[in-house]
Amino acid sequence: MGRVIAAVFSIVLLVVSIYLFGLAFQAAAGTQAWVFFGGIILMCLSFALPIHVFSKR
């Protein structure tokens, strides 16, 4: 059950990160880089989470 929750949470993180990438182009001039960087961080977490969860047997 834990693996299923991790997989769903990873997909949610991936979708939110893609949304942040698009939102960065509509954000104010001072916050564009921070929103885009947040998307990059979430994208990294969405790929790292299943790697660490599914590698354990």
N, C-alpha and C. Protein backbone atom coordinates (compact mmCIF):
# COMPACT_ATOMS: atom_id res chain seq x y z
N MET A 1 0.81 -1.20 0.00
CA MET A 1 0.00 0.00 0.00
C MET A 1 0.86 1.26 0.00
N GLY A 2 2.01 1.20 0.66
CA GLY A 2 2.90 2.35 0.72
C GLY A 2 3.46 2.72 -0.63
N ARG A 3 3.69 1.71 -1.46
CA ARG A 3 4.23 1.99 -2.79
C ARG A 3 3.20 2.68 -3.67
N VAL A 4 1.95 2.31 -3.51
CA VAL A 4 0.88 2.94 -4.29
C VAL A 4 0.74 4.40 -3.91
N ILE A 5 0.77 4.67 -2.62
CA ILE A 5 0.68 6.05 -2.15
C ILE A 5 1.87 6.87 -2.64
N ALA A 6 3.05 6.29 -2.61
CA ALA A 6 4.24 6.99 -3.09
C ALA A 6 4.15 7.27 -4.59
N ALA A 7 3.61 6.33 -5.36
CA ALA A 7 3.47 6.53 -6.79
C ALA A 7 2.46 7.63 -7.11
N VAL A 8 1.34 7.61 -6.41
CA VAL A 8 0.33 8.65 -6.63
C VAL A 8 0.86 10.02 -6.21
N PHE A 9 1.53 10.08 -5.08
CA PHE A 9 2.11 11.33 -4.61
C PHE A 9 3.17 11.84 -5.58
N SER A 10 3.93 10.95 -6.16
CA SER A 10 4.94 11.33 -7.14
C SER A 10 4.30 11.92 -8.39
N ILE A 11 3.20 11.33 -8.83
CA ILE A 11 2.50 11.86 -10.01
C ILE A 11 1.90 13.22 -9.71
N VAL A 12 1.37 13.39 -8.50
CA VAL A 12 0.83 14.70 -8.11
C VAL A 12 1.94 15.75 -8.10
N LEU A 13 3.10 15.41 -7.56
CA LEU A 13 4.24 16.34 -7.57
C LEU A 13 4.65 16.70 -8.99
N LEU A 14 4.62 15.72 -9.88
CA LEU A 14 4.99 15.96 -11.28
C LEU A 14 4.01 16.93 -11.94
N VAL A 15 2.73 16.73 -11.73
CA VAL A 15 1.73 17.61 -12.33
C VAL A 15 1.83 19.02 -11.77
N VAL A 16 2.03 19.14 -10.46
CA VAL A 16 2.16 20.47 -9.86
C VAL A 16 3.42 21.17 -10.37
N SER A 17 4.49 20.44 -10.57
CA SER A 17 5.71 21.07 -11.08
C SER A 17 5.52 21.56 -12.51
N ILE A 18 4.82 20.82 -13.33
CA ILE A 18 4.54 21.27 -14.69
C ILE A 18 3.66 22.52 -14.66
N TYR A 19 2.69 22.55 -13.74
CA TYR A 19 1.85 23.73 -13.58
C TYR A 19 2.69 24.94 -13.17
N LEU A 20 3.65 24.75 -12.27
CA LEU A 20 4.50 25.86 -11.85
C LEU A 20 5.37 26.36 -12.99
N PHE A 21 5.82 25.48 -13.87
CA PHE A 21 6.60 25.92 -15.02
C PHE A 21 5.78 26.88 -15.88
N GLY A 22 4.53 26.54 -16.12
CA GLY A 22 3.67 27.42 -16.91
C GLY A 22 3.30 28.69 -16.16
N LEU A 23 3.10 28.58 -14.86
CA LEU A 23 2.73 29.73 -14.06
C LEU A 23 3.86 30.75 -13.96
N ALA A 24 5.08 30.31 -14.10
CA ALA A 24 6.23 31.21 -13.99
C ALA A 24 6.21 32.27 -15.09
N PHE A 25 5.64 31.97 -16.23
CA PHE A 25 5.60 32.95 -17.31
C PHE A 25 4.51 34.00 -17.09
N GLN A 26 3.58 33.75 -16.19
CA GLN A 26 2.52 34.70 -15.89
C GLN A 26 2.75 35.43 -14.58
N ALA A 27 3.76 35.05 -13.83
CA ALA A 27 4.03 35.66 -12.52
C ALA A 27 4.65 37.03 -12.70
N ALA A 28 4.68 37.79 -11.63
CA ALA A 28 5.29 39.11 -11.66
C ALA A 28 6.79 38.98 -11.92
N ALA A 29 7.37 40.08 -12.35
CA ALA A 29 8.76 40.06 -12.79
C ALA A 29 9.73 39.61 -11.70
N GLY A 30 9.48 39.94 -10.45
CA GLY A 30 10.40 39.58 -9.39
C GLY A 30 10.27 38.15 -8.91
N THR A 31 9.17 37.48 -9.25
CA THR A 31 8.93 36.15 -8.72
C THR A 31 9.01 35.04 -9.77
N GLN A 32 9.26 35.38 -11.00
CA GLN A 32 9.30 34.37 -12.06
C GLN A 32 10.35 33.31 -11.80
N ALA A 33 11.52 33.74 -11.43
CA ALA A 33 12.61 32.78 -11.22
C ALA A 33 12.32 31.86 -10.04
N TRP A 34 11.72 32.40 -8.98
CA TRP A 34 11.42 31.58 -7.79
C TRP A 34 10.35 30.55 -8.08
N VAL A 35 9.35 30.93 -8.85
CA VAL A 35 8.29 29.98 -9.20
C VAL A 35 8.85 28.88 -10.09
N PHE A 36 9.67 29.26 -11.06
CA PHE A 36 10.28 28.28 -11.95
C PHE A 36 11.22 27.36 -11.18
N PHE A 37 12.00 27.93 -10.26
CA PHE A 37 12.90 27.12 -9.43
C PHE A 37 12.11 26.16 -8.54
N GLY A 38 10.98 26.60 -8.03
CA GLY A 38 10.11 25.70 -7.26
C GLY A 38 9.63 24.54 -8.11
N GLY A 39 9.33 24.80 -9.38
CA GLY A 39 8.95 23.73 -10.30
C GLY A 39 10.08 22.73 -10.51
N ILE A 40 11.29 23.24 -10.60
CA ILE A 40 12.44 22.36 -10.77
C ILE A 40 12.64 21.47 -9.54
N ILE A 41 12.50 22.07 -8.36
CA ILE A 41 12.65 21.30 -7.11
C ILE A 41 11.59 20.21 -7.02
N LEU A 42 10.33 20.56 -7.33
CA LEU A 42 9.27 19.56 -7.27
C LEU A 42 9.47 18.47 -8.31
N MET A 43 9.98 18.83 -9.48
CA MET A 43 10.25 17.84 -10.51
C MET A 43 11.32 16.86 -10.03
N CYS A 44 12.37 17.37 -9.40
CA CYS A 44 13.42 16.50 -8.87
C CYS A 44 12.88 15.57 -7.79
N LEU A 45 12.03 16.10 -6.91
CA LEU A 45 11.43 15.27 -5.87
C LEU A 45 10.50 14.21 -6.45
N SER A 46 9.78 14.57 -7.51
CA SER A 46 8.85 13.61 -8.10
C SER A 46 9.58 12.43 -8.75
N PHE A 47 10.81 12.64 -9.17
CA PHE A 47 11.59 11.54 -9.72
C PHE A 47 12.40 10.81 -8.65
N ALA A 48 12.83 11.53 -7.62
CA ALA A 48 13.64 10.92 -6.57
C ALA A 48 12.82 10.05 -5.63
N LEU A 49 11.59 10.43 -5.38
CA LEU A 49 10.75 9.68 -4.45
C LEU A 49 10.53 8.23 -4.88
N PRO A 50 10.11 7.95 -6.11
CA PRO A 50 9.94 6.54 -6.48
C PRO A 50 11.25 5.76 -6.54
N ILE A 51 12.33 6.46 -6.88
CA ILE A 51 13.62 5.76 -6.94
C ILE A 51 13.99 5.23 -5.56
N HIS A 52 13.79 6.04 -4.53
CA HIS A 52 14.15 5.62 -3.18
C HIS A 52 13.13 4.66 -2.58
N VAL A 53 11.87 4.85 -2.88
CA VAL A 53 10.83 3.99 -2.30
C VAL A 53 10.84 2.63 -2.95
N PHE A 54 10.95 2.59 -4.27
CA PHE A 54 10.85 1.30 -4.98
C PHE A 54 12.15 0.52 -4.99
N SER A 55 13.26 1.15 -4.59
CA SER A 55 14.52 0.41 -4.57
C SER A 55 14.63 -0.49 -3.35
N LYS A 56 13.85 -0.21 -2.31
CA LYS A 56 13.88 -1.04 -1.11
C LYS A 56 12.99 -2.24 -1.30
N ARG A 57 13.47 -3.40 -0.88
CA ARG A 57 12.67 -4.62 -1.07
C ARG A 57 12.03 -5.05 0.21
